[in-house]
Amino acid sequence: MVRQENPTASGSPKLRTAERTRTAKLGFLDEKLSFHPKIIQNVPDFSRLHKALQTEVLRKTQIKDVTKCQPFCLRTSALPARQRTMSPENSQVSNISRSKSKSLGALSSLSTDTLPTYITDAERKRCMAIRKSMEIRDSKNQESSDWLRKYQMRSQAMKKTVVLHAKLLDPHSSLNEVYNEKLQQHREADQQRTREYMKELQEMKTRVSERPYLFQQVKQKNAKAHAEQIYRNKLKKAGLKEQFVEENGKAVEGVSSSTSFRSGDDGGSTENDTHNREENVDNWEKIEDVEEESVKSKGEEMP
């Protein structure tokens, strides 16, 4: 029979090795701490400690002596003058050096303790170079300002020319002309409205002045109604109707207008026409009599 191996028994050495490794690495966690910090229960007086520290610093400071310079003497004036060759290019420098000879002689007469001060060749050349560079810079600035002024003048002249050509080629009117035209139109419209308003106001005043007062209107209305009533009563007494009177009046007007066109015409008249005309004339006479009576009665009643 084949012996079966227990997997747990075969894996136990590995587990023991891992346990030992873990114990070796993390064993310090199980150890008791040997360091115990000292805990101060009382709060220190920091202001007193600061004053004590300042006092200690002042006590430890040591006053150091100031460094004193020893007197010295430069005997530059006793040195012999340097000889240098003169070139035609440095003629201007030679002239300046000759003019400075008096100052050099005066420097030689000074005491040995005095430090001489005179212009060297390097300093003189440096001054000349600085002066020359300043002159060049000024000339460049002047040239740039002249060029800028000329450029502005050319730009203005070109701008005027371009504007003139644009106006000549542009079919539309300019804004200034359009503005003036619109302004003139608005002014004329305002004047026209003002004239119309004044005209309407004058007509209104005329109507108000010509219109009778209210009591006069009432009086005229009452008189008209009274006259119409009298006229109707007269027609009723005469046995006539208003419609009949209106028709006869229109007929008489038509006959009078037709007779003016038929003057000189001999034929065309019949006995029936003459009879009707006579009847219309009689009726018209009756109407006139009634109107005269109504007018007379109205005049008598009016105050």
Protein backbone atom coordinates (compact mmCIF):
# COMPACT_ATOMS: atom_id res chain seq x y z
CA MET A 1 0.00 0.00 0.00
CA VAL A 2 1.19 3.49 -0.87
CA ARG A 3 1.38 5.89 2.08
CA GLN A 4 -0.54 9.07 1.54
CA GLU A 5 1.31 12.24 2.61
CA ASN A 6 -0.48 14.83 4.70
CA PRO A 7 -0.36 18.24 2.97
CA THR A 8 -0.40 20.05 6.28
CA ALA A 9 2.58 18.13 7.53
CA SER A 10 4.54 18.80 4.33
CA GLY A 11 3.83 22.56 4.50
CA SER A 12 4.62 23.02 8.18
CA PRO A 13 8.36 23.90 7.72
CA LYS A 14 7.45 26.82 5.47
CA LEU A 15 4.91 28.07 7.97
CA ARG A 16 7.44 27.90 10.78
CA THR A 17 9.98 29.82 8.72
CA ALA A 18 7.45 32.59 7.97
CA GLU A 19 6.54 32.75 11.64
CA ARG A 20 10.16 33.16 12.65
CA THR A 21 10.70 35.85 10.03
CA ARG A 22 7.64 37.77 11.16
CA THR A 23 8.75 37.49 14.79
CA ALA A 24 12.23 38.74 13.92
CA LYS A 25 10.90 41.70 11.95
CA LEU A 26 8.04 42.74 14.22
CA GLY A 27 9.38 41.61 17.53
CA PHE A 28 10.16 45.18 18.61
CA LEU A 29 6.46 45.87 18.84
CA ASP A 30 6.12 43.44 21.70
CA GLU A 31 9.07 44.82 23.65
CA LYS A 32 8.52 47.22 26.51
CA LEU A 33 9.73 50.75 25.94
CA SER A 34 12.68 51.78 28.04
CA PHE A 35 12.40 55.54 27.36
CA HIS A 36 9.94 57.45 29.46
CA PRO A 37 9.73 61.19 28.63
CA LYS A 38 9.77 63.66 31.46
CA ILE A 39 6.49 65.52 31.64
CA ILE A 40 6.57 68.98 33.18
CA GLN A 41 3.34 69.66 34.93
CA ASN A 42 3.90 73.40 35.48
CA VAL A 43 3.80 75.95 32.62
CA PRO A 44 7.12 77.87 32.42
CA ASP A 45 7.28 81.67 32.62
CA PHE A 46 8.45 82.55 29.12
CA SER A 47 8.84 86.28 29.76
CA ARG A 48 11.20 85.64 32.69
CA LEU A 49 13.17 83.12 30.65
CA HIS A 50 13.47 85.61 27.78
CA LYS A 51 14.81 88.33 30.08
CA ALA A 52 17.34 85.90 31.55
CA LEU A 53 18.49 84.93 28.06
CA GLN A 54 18.95 88.57 27.06
CA THR A 55 20.97 89.25 30.19
CA GLU A 56 23.20 86.26 29.51
CA VAL A 57 23.81 87.36 25.92
CA LEU A 58 24.80 90.87 27.03
CA ARG A 59 27.14 89.46 29.61
CA LYS A 60 28.89 87.22 27.11
CA THR A 61 29.38 89.90 24.47
CA GLN A 62 32.89 91.34 24.28
CA ILE A 63 33.63 94.81 22.99
CA LYS A 64 36.18 94.65 20.18
CA ASP A 65 38.57 97.50 19.40
CA VAL A 66 38.08 99.42 16.15
CA THR A 67 40.68 98.80 13.47
CA LYS A 68 42.97 101.81 13.14
CA CYS A 69 44.72 102.56 9.87
CA GLN A 70 48.43 103.31 10.04
CA PRO A 71 49.55 106.54 8.34
CA PHE A 72 51.18 106.08 4.97
CA CYS A 73 52.85 108.34 2.43
CA LEU A 74 52.69 107.98 -1.37
CA ARG A 75 55.66 109.69 -3.01
CA THR A 76 54.10 109.90 -6.44
CA SER A 77 55.15 113.49 -6.97
CA ALA A 78 58.80 112.48 -6.65
CA LEU A 79 58.57 110.01 -9.54
CA PRO A 80 60.10 111.12 -12.86
CA ALA A 81 57.72 112.13 -15.66
CA ARG A 82 56.99 109.44 -18.23
CA GLN A 83 58.16 110.00 -21.77
CA ARG A 84 55.79 108.96 -24.56
CA THR A 85 56.06 109.18 -28.32
CA MET A 86 53.75 111.60 -30.06
CA SER A 87 52.01 110.58 -33.27
CA PRO A 88 50.32 112.90 -35.77
CA GLU A 89 47.00 111.25 -34.95
CA ASN A 90 47.29 112.35 -31.33
CA SER A 91 48.07 115.98 -32.09
CA GLN A 92 44.95 117.09 -30.25
CA VAL A 93 46.02 115.10 -27.20
CA SER A 94 49.45 116.75 -27.26
CA ASN A 95 47.89 120.18 -27.31
CA ILE A 96 45.78 119.31 -24.30
CA SER A 97 48.86 117.96 -22.47
CA ARG A 98 50.76 121.19 -23.17
CA SER A 99 47.91 123.20 -21.78
CA LYS A 100 48.00 121.05 -18.68
CA SER A 101 51.74 121.55 -18.09
CA LYS A 102 51.14 124.39 -15.67
CA SER A 103 48.90 122.24 -13.56
CA LEU A 104 51.51 119.50 -13.51
CA GLY A 105 54.13 122.00 -12.40
CA ALA A 106 51.83 123.17 -9.66
CA LEU A 107 51.35 119.58 -8.53
CA SER A 108 55.12 119.10 -8.25
CA SER A 109 55.30 122.01 -5.85
CA LEU A 110 52.95 120.32 -3.40
CA SER A 111 54.22 118.61 -0.31
CA THR A 112 55.14 114.96 -0.27
CA ASP A 113 52.20 114.11 1.99
CA THR A 114 49.62 115.34 -0.56
CA LEU A 115 48.08 112.83 -3.00
CA PRO A 116 48.32 114.36 -6.51
CA THR A 117 45.26 114.33 -8.77
CA TYR A 118 45.70 114.89 -12.50
CA ILE A 119 44.01 113.65 -15.66
CA THR A 120 45.63 110.63 -17.23
CA ASP A 121 45.68 109.76 -20.92
CA ALA A 122 43.20 106.93 -20.45
CA GLU A 123 40.74 109.20 -18.68
CA ARG A 124 41.17 111.86 -21.35
CA LYS A 125 40.52 109.34 -24.13
CA ARG A 126 37.53 108.02 -22.23
CA CYS A 127 36.08 111.53 -21.94
CA MET A 128 36.63 112.10 -25.65
CA ALA A 129 34.95 108.80 -26.50
CA ILE A 130 31.99 109.62 -24.26
CA ARG A 131 31.65 113.08 -25.79
CA LYS A 132 31.83 111.65 -29.28
CA SER A 133 29.24 108.97 -28.51
CA MET A 134 26.92 111.63 -27.06
CA GLU A 135 27.33 113.76 -30.19
CA ILE A 136 26.58 110.74 -32.38
CA ARG A 137 23.53 109.93 -30.28
CA ASP A 138 22.27 113.52 -30.49
CA SER A 139 22.76 113.56 -34.24
CA LYS A 140 20.86 110.27 -34.58
CA ASN A 141 18.04 111.61 -32.42
CA GLN A 142 17.89 114.76 -34.54
CA GLU A 143 17.81 112.71 -37.73
CA SER A 144 15.05 110.47 -36.37
CA SER A 145 12.97 113.49 -35.28
CA ASP A 146 13.44 115.12 -38.71
CA TRP A 147 12.45 111.90 -40.46
CA LEU A 148 9.38 111.52 -38.22
CA ARG A 149 8.28 115.11 -38.91
CA LYS A 150 8.69 114.65 -42.66
CA TYR A 151 6.84 111.32 -42.48
CA GLN A 152 3.92 112.93 -40.66
CA MET A 153 3.78 115.73 -43.23
CA ARG A 154 3.80 113.22 -46.10
CA SER A 155 1.13 111.14 -44.34
CA GLN A 156 -1.14 114.16 -43.90
CA ALA A 157 -0.73 115.19 -47.52
CA MET A 158 -1.41 111.64 -48.69
CA LYS A 159 -4.46 111.41 -46.41
CA LYS A 160 -5.91 114.61 -47.88
CA THR A 161 -5.31 113.33 -51.40
CA VAL A 162 -6.92 109.97 -50.64
CA VAL A 163 -9.96 111.64 -49.06
CA LEU A 164 -10.33 113.95 -52.06
CA HIS A 165 -10.14 111.06 -54.55
CA ALA A 166 -12.57 109.02 -52.43
CA LYS A 167 -15.06 111.89 -52.47
CA LEU A 168 -14.73 112.22 -56.22
CA LEU A 169 -15.17 108.49 -56.83
CA ASP A 170 -17.84 107.86 -54.19
CA PRO A 171 -21.35 108.25 -55.68
CA HIS A 172 -22.90 108.60 -52.25
CA SER A 173 -22.96 111.88 -50.39
CA SER A 174 -20.88 112.44 -47.31
CA LEU A 175 -22.21 112.18 -43.79
CA ASN A 176 -21.98 115.93 -43.31
CA GLU A 177 -24.12 116.61 -46.37
CA VAL A 178 -26.64 113.94 -45.36
CA TYR A 179 -26.78 115.42 -41.87
CA ASN A 180 -27.40 118.94 -43.18
CA GLU A 181 -30.05 117.69 -45.60
CA LYS A 182 -31.89 115.74 -42.91
CA LEU A 183 -31.66 118.70 -40.56
CA GLN A 184 -33.18 121.00 -43.19
CA GLN A 185 -35.99 118.50 -43.86
CA HIS A 186 -36.81 118.24 -40.16
CA ARG A 187 -36.82 122.01 -39.81
CA GLU A 188 -39.18 122.41 -42.77
CA ALA A 189 -41.47 119.70 -41.38
CA ASP A 190 -41.54 121.44 -37.99
CA GLN A 191 -42.35 124.77 -39.63
CA GLN A 192 -45.12 123.16 -41.71
CA ARG A 193 -46.64 121.57 -38.60
CA THR A 194 -46.44 124.91 -36.80
CA ARG A 195 -48.23 126.68 -39.65
CA GLU A 196 -50.94 124.01 -39.78
CA TYR A 197 -51.41 124.22 -36.03
CA MET A 198 -51.71 128.00 -36.12
CA LYS A 199 -54.20 127.75 -39.01
CA GLU A 200 -56.34 125.21 -37.15
CA LEU A 201 -56.16 127.33 -34.00
CA GLN A 202 -57.29 130.42 -35.94
CA GLU A 203 -60.17 128.51 -37.53
CA MET A 204 -61.19 127.22 -34.12
CA LYS A 205 -61.16 130.73 -32.68
CA THR A 206 -63.20 131.99 -35.65
CA ARG A 207 -65.80 129.25 -35.19
CA VAL A 208 -66.02 129.95 -31.49
CA SER A 209 -66.37 133.71 -32.05
CA GLU A 210 -69.04 133.30 -34.77
CA ARG A 211 -71.00 130.67 -32.91
CA PRO A 212 -73.95 132.10 -30.96
CA TYR A 213 -74.22 131.68 -27.24
CA LEU A 214 -76.09 128.79 -25.71
CA PHE A 215 -79.12 130.83 -24.71
CA GLN A 216 -79.27 132.24 -28.25
CA GLN A 217 -79.14 128.73 -29.71
CA VAL A 218 -81.95 127.62 -27.41
CA LYS A 219 -84.00 130.68 -28.34
CA GLN A 220 -83.50 130.11 -32.08
CA LYS A 221 -84.39 126.44 -31.74
CA ASN A 222 -87.58 127.26 -29.86
CA ALA A 223 -88.54 129.93 -32.43
CA LYS A 224 -87.92 127.50 -35.30
CA ALA A 225 -90.02 124.81 -33.66
CA HIS A 226 -92.80 127.30 -32.98
CA ALA A 227 -92.75 128.55 -36.60
CA GLU A 228 -92.86 124.98 -37.92
CA GLN A 229 -95.79 124.22 -35.67
CA ILE A 230 -97.68 127.29 -36.93
CA TYR A 231 -96.85 126.31 -40.52
CA ARG A 232 -98.24 122.82 -39.99
CA ASN A 233 -101.40 124.22 -38.39
CA LYS A 234 -101.95 126.58 -41.33
CA LEU A 235 -101.47 123.74 -43.80
CA LYS A 236 -103.91 121.61 -41.86
CA LYS A 237 -106.51 124.42 -41.88
CA ALA A 238 -106.01 124.87 -45.64
CA GLY A 239 -106.46 121.12 -46.18
CA LEU A 240 -102.93 120.55 -47.52
CA LYS A 241 -100.19 118.07 -46.62
CA GLU A 242 -96.47 118.68 -46.26
CA GLN A 243 -95.61 115.97 -48.78
CA PHE A 244 -97.94 117.51 -51.34
CA VAL A 245 -96.38 120.94 -50.80
CA GLU A 246 -92.85 119.56 -51.21
CA GLU A 247 -93.76 117.70 -54.43
CA ASN A 248 -95.44 120.77 -55.93
CA GLY A 249 -92.47 122.94 -54.99
CA LYS A 250 -90.08 120.58 -56.76
CA ALA A 251 -92.40 120.44 -59.78
CA VAL A 252 -92.57 124.24 -60.00
CA GLU A 253 -88.78 124.45 -59.85
CA GLY A 254 -88.50 121.87 -62.63
CA VAL A 255 -91.04 123.73 -64.79
CA SER A 256 -89.23 127.05 -64.34
CA SER A 257 -85.93 125.48 -65.36
CA SER A 258 -87.45 123.72 -68.39
CA THR A 259 -89.20 126.86 -69.65
CA SER A 260 -85.87 128.67 -69.84
CA PHE A 261 -84.55 125.99 -72.23
CA ARG A 262 -87.77 125.86 -74.26
CA SER A 263 -88.00 129.58 -75.01
CA GLY A 264 -88.82 130.23 -78.69
CA ASP A 265 -90.37 126.75 -79.19
CA ASP A 266 -93.93 127.20 -80.64
CA GLY A 267 -95.12 123.57 -80.79
CA GLY A 268 -95.30 120.83 -78.19
CA SER A 269 -97.81 122.42 -75.77
CA THR A 270 -101.22 120.80 -75.25
CA GLU A 271 -104.33 121.72 -73.38
CA ASN A 272 -103.62 119.17 -70.64
CA ASP A 273 -100.26 120.78 -69.92
CA THR A 274 -101.80 124.20 -69.60
CA HIS A 275 -104.47 122.85 -67.29
CA ASN A 276 -101.89 121.17 -65.05
CA ARG A 277 -99.76 124.30 -65.02
CA GLU A 278 -102.74 126.41 -63.93
CA GLU A 279 -103.51 123.98 -61.12
CA ASN A 280 -99.90 124.06 -59.95
CA VAL A 281 -99.90 127.85 -59.97
CA ASP A 282 -103.07 127.94 -57.86
CA ASN A 283 -101.55 125.51 -55.37
CA TRP A 284 -98.31 127.49 -55.22
CA GLU A 285 -100.25 130.69 -54.51
CA LYS A 286 -101.98 128.96 -51.62
CA ILE A 287 -98.59 127.80 -50.24
CA GLU A 288 -97.17 131.31 -50.48
CA ASP A 289 -100.18 132.72 -48.62
CA VAL A 290 -99.69 130.17 -45.82
CA GLU A 291 -95.95 130.96 -45.57
CA GLU A 292 -96.61 134.71 -45.40
CA GLU A 293 -99.14 134.23 -42.61
CA SER A 294 -96.71 132.01 -40.66
CA VAL A 295 -93.91 134.56 -41.03
CA LYS A 296 -96.15 137.38 -39.86
CA SER A 297 -97.30 135.41 -36.84
CA LYS A 298 -93.66 134.54 -36.02
CA GLY A 299 -92.65 138.20 -36.24
CA GLU A 300 -95.47 139.22 -33.91
CA GLU A 301 -94.49 136.57 -31.34
CA MET A 302 -90.74 137.35 -31.42
CA PRO A 303 -89.76 140.05 -28.85
